[in-house]
Amino acid sequence: MGMVWDWISKGVTHLVGTAKDAAAGIVGKFLAAFGLTTITFNSVLPSLKSFVLQYVGAIPGPMLDFLSYLGVGTVMSMILSALTVRMTWKVFIVPKTVADQISGGGS
């Protein structure tokens, strides 16, 4: 009977450990995505949109109306958002050792 209980306790320990690791990964990804989204949409994306809008001002009125009718503004916003998120993933999500080197050797 002792051998069966050992199997059960090892199985439960393995199951709890796996669940804990999975939950930690999910929570970590959620927090990273939330922080990245906050940084992207509050600081990076408005600057990028204003940069693009300064060049859109040179487009004549009827052409701008036609592009607006086609939904090009929405498409460009979606593309710029995706590119911004992709760029910030590469910039902000770095290993701790690299981040320590960038900041001058951390504590």
C-alpha atoms as a PDB file:
ATOM      1  CA  MET A   1       0.000   0.000   0.000  1.00  0.00           C
ATOM      2  CA  GLY A   2       2.944   2.363   0.611  1.00  0.00           C
ATOM      3  CA  MET A   3       4.082   2.168  -3.001  1.00  0.00           C
ATOM      4  CA  VAL A   4       0.672   3.264  -4.331  1.00  0.00           C
ATOM      5  CA  TRP A   5       0.581   6.284  -2.022  1.00  0.00           C
ATOM      6  CA  ASP A   6       4.088   7.237  -3.129  1.00  0.00           C
ATOM      7  CA  TRP A   7       2.926   7.209  -6.749  1.00  0.00           C
ATOM      8  CA  ILE A   8      -0.144   9.268  -5.895  1.00  0.00           C
ATOM      9  CA  SER A   9       1.854  11.831  -3.904  1.00  0.00           C
ATOM     10  CA  LYS A  10       4.492  12.113  -6.656  1.00  0.00           C
ATOM     11  CA  GLY A  11       1.733  12.496  -9.263  1.00  0.00           C
ATOM     12  CA  VAL A  12      -0.004  15.216  -7.273  1.00  0.00           C
ATOM     13  CA  THR A  13       3.318  16.991  -6.649  1.00  0.00           C
ATOM     14  CA  HIS A  14       4.130  16.870 -10.363  1.00  0.00           C
ATOM     15  CA  LEU A  15       0.643  18.124 -11.288  1.00  0.00           C
ATOM     16  CA  VAL A  16       0.803  21.027  -8.824  1.00  0.00           C
ATOM     17  CA  GLY A  17       4.330  21.954  -9.968  1.00  0.00           C
ATOM     18  CA  THR A  18       3.287  21.922 -13.622  1.00  0.00           C
ATOM     19  CA  ALA A  19       0.177  24.010 -12.877  1.00  0.00           C
ATOM     20  CA  LYS A  20       2.299  26.508 -10.923  1.00  0.00           C
ATOM     21  CA  ASP A  21       4.790  26.834 -13.792  1.00  0.00           C
ATOM     22  CA  ALA A  22       1.989  27.277 -16.323  1.00  0.00           C
ATOM     23  CA  ALA A  23       0.252  29.917 -14.188  1.00  0.00           C
ATOM     24  CA  ALA A  24       3.518  31.807 -13.709  1.00  0.00           C
ATOM     25  CA  GLY A  25       4.097  31.834 -17.473  1.00  0.00           C
ATOM     26  CA  ILE A  26       0.585  33.045 -18.204  1.00  0.00           C
ATOM     27  CA  VAL A  27       0.732  35.790 -15.563  1.00  0.00           C
ATOM     28  CA  GLY A  28       4.160  36.877 -16.799  1.00  0.00           C
ATOM     29  CA  LYS A  29       2.963  37.094 -20.391  1.00  0.00           C
ATOM     30  CA  PHE A  30      -0.153  38.994 -19.332  1.00  0.00           C
ATOM     31  CA  LEU A  31       1.836  41.548 -17.347  1.00  0.00           C
ATOM     32  CA  ALA A  32       4.380  41.944 -20.144  1.00  0.00           C
ATOM     33  CA  ALA A  33       1.622  42.438 -22.721  1.00  0.00           C
ATOM     34  CA  PHE A  34      -0.207  44.947 -20.524  1.00  0.00           C
ATOM     35  CA  GLY A  35       2.934  46.965 -19.859  1.00  0.00           C
ATOM     36  CA  LEU A  36       3.981  46.824 -23.489  1.00  0.00           C
ATOM     37  CA  THR A  37       0.529  47.906 -24.629  1.00  0.00           C
ATOM     38  CA  THR A  38       0.515  50.798 -22.179  1.00  0.00           C
ATOM     39  CA  ILE A  39       3.925  52.002 -23.336  1.00  0.00           C
ATOM     40  CA  THR A  40       3.059  51.546 -26.998  1.00  0.00           C
ATOM     41  CA  PHE A  41      -0.321  53.271 -27.052  1.00  0.00           C
ATOM     42  CA  ASN A  42       0.477  56.076 -24.618  1.00  0.00           C
ATOM     43  CA  SER A  43       3.899  57.200 -25.782  1.00  0.00           C
ATOM     44  CA  VAL A  44       5.194  55.615 -28.983  1.00  0.00           C
ATOM     45  CA  LEU A  45       2.118  55.428 -31.200  1.00  0.00           C
ATOM     46  CA  PRO A  46       0.964  59.080 -30.883  1.00  0.00           C
ATOM     47  CA  SER A  47       4.414  60.280 -31.924  1.00  0.00           C
ATOM     48  CA  LEU A  48       4.413  57.941 -34.896  1.00  0.00           C
ATOM     49  CA  LYS A  49       0.921  59.055 -35.948  1.00  0.00           C
ATOM     50  CA  SER A  50       1.853  62.735 -35.770  1.00  0.00           C
ATOM     51  CA  PHE A  51       4.931  62.008 -37.920  1.00  0.00           C
ATOM     52  CA  VAL A  52       2.752  60.360 -40.582  1.00  0.00           C
ATOM     53  CA  LEU A  53       0.082  63.081 -40.399  1.00  0.00           C
ATOM     54  CA  GLN A  54       2.575  65.814 -41.234  1.00  0.00           C
ATOM     55  CA  TYR A  55       3.089  64.133 -44.629  1.00  0.00           C
ATOM     56  CA  VAL A  56      -0.612  63.420 -45.168  1.00  0.00           C
ATOM     57  CA  GLY A  57      -1.279  67.168 -45.112  1.00  0.00           C
ATOM     58  CA  ALA A  58       0.339  67.449 -48.572  1.00  0.00           C
ATOM     59  CA  ILE A  59      -2.336  65.238 -50.179  1.00  0.00           C
ATOM     60  CA  PRO A  60      -5.048  67.223 -52.055  1.00  0.00           C
ATOM     61  CA  GLY A  61      -8.566  67.320 -50.539  1.00  0.00           C
ATOM     62  CA  PRO A  62     -10.430  65.102 -53.046  1.00  0.00           C
ATOM     63  CA  MET A  63      -7.691  62.477 -52.924  1.00  0.00           C
ATOM     64  CA  LEU A  64      -7.774  62.551 -49.111  1.00  0.00           C
ATOM     65  CA  ASP A  65     -11.568  62.107 -49.164  1.00  0.00           C
ATOM     66  CA  PHE A  66     -11.225  59.147 -51.521  1.00  0.00           C
ATOM     67  CA  LEU A  67      -8.570  57.504 -49.341  1.00  0.00           C
ATOM     68  CA  SER A  68     -10.753  58.103 -46.291  1.00  0.00           C
ATOM     69  CA  TYR A  69     -13.726  56.502 -48.076  1.00  0.00           C
ATOM     70  CA  LEU A  70     -11.608  53.429 -48.854  1.00  0.00           C
ATOM     71  CA  GLY A  71     -10.602  53.133 -45.186  1.00  0.00           C
ATOM     72  CA  VAL A  72      -6.896  53.628 -45.799  1.00  0.00           C
ATOM     73  CA  GLY A  73      -6.585  55.547 -42.516  1.00  0.00           C
ATOM     74  CA  THR A  74      -7.876  52.580 -40.526  1.00  0.00           C
ATOM     75  CA  VAL A  75      -5.610  50.190 -42.394  1.00  0.00           C
ATOM     76  CA  MET A  76      -2.576  52.405 -41.832  1.00  0.00           C
ATOM     77  CA  SER A  77      -3.438  52.736 -38.145  1.00  0.00           C
ATOM     78  CA  MET A  78      -3.629  48.953 -37.813  1.00  0.00           C
ATOM     79  CA  ILE A  79      -0.339  48.476 -39.653  1.00  0.00           C
ATOM     80  CA  LEU A  80       1.435  51.175 -37.626  1.00  0.00           C
ATOM     81  CA  SER A  81       0.087  49.683 -34.383  1.00  0.00           C
ATOM     82  CA  ALA A  82       1.328  46.220 -35.318  1.00  0.00           C
ATOM     83  CA  LEU A  83       4.738  47.526 -36.362  1.00  0.00           C
ATOM     84  CA  THR A  84       5.033  49.590 -33.191  1.00  0.00           C
ATOM     85  CA  VAL A  85       4.217  46.607 -30.991  1.00  0.00           C
ATOM     86  CA  ARG A  86       6.708  44.492 -32.914  1.00  0.00           C
ATOM     87  CA  MET A  87       9.394  47.137 -32.518  1.00  0.00           C
ATOM     88  CA  THR A  88       8.762  47.588 -28.798  1.00  0.00           C
ATOM     89  CA  TRP A  89       8.931  43.810 -28.259  1.00  0.00           C
ATOM     90  CA  LYS A  90      12.412  43.895 -29.750  1.00  0.00           C
ATOM     91  CA  VAL A  91      13.462  46.988 -27.809  1.00  0.00           C
ATOM     92  CA  PHE A  92      11.885  46.501 -24.377  1.00  0.00           C
ATOM     93  CA  ILE A  93      11.846  42.709 -23.979  1.00  0.00           C
ATOM     94  CA  VAL A  94      15.499  41.858 -23.519  1.00  0.00           C
ATOM     95  CA  PRO A  95      17.251  39.392 -21.207  1.00  0.00           C
ATOM     96  CA  LYS A  96      18.229  40.712 -17.779  1.00  0.00           C
ATOM     97  CA  THR A  97      21.944  40.418 -18.537  1.00  0.00           C
ATOM     98  CA  VAL A  98      21.576  42.628 -21.604  1.00  0.00           C
ATOM     99  CA  ALA A  99      19.436  45.127 -19.682  1.00  0.00           C
ATOM    100  CA  ASP A 100      22.091  45.314 -16.946  1.00  0.00           C
ATOM    101  CA  GLN A 101      24.776  46.038 -19.545  1.00  0.00           C
ATOM    102  CA  ILE A 102      22.663  48.764 -21.155  1.00  0.00           C
ATOM    103  CA  SER A 103      21.938  50.522 -17.858  1.00  0.00           C
ATOM    104  CA  GLY A 104      25.564  50.455 -16.795  1.00  0.00           C
ATOM    105  CA  GLY A 105      25.668  47.335 -14.686  1.00  0.00           C
ATOM    106  CA  GLY A 106      22.632  47.437 -12.351  1.00  0.00           C
ATOM    107  CA  SER A 107      22.665  46.518  -8.686  1.00  0.00           C
END
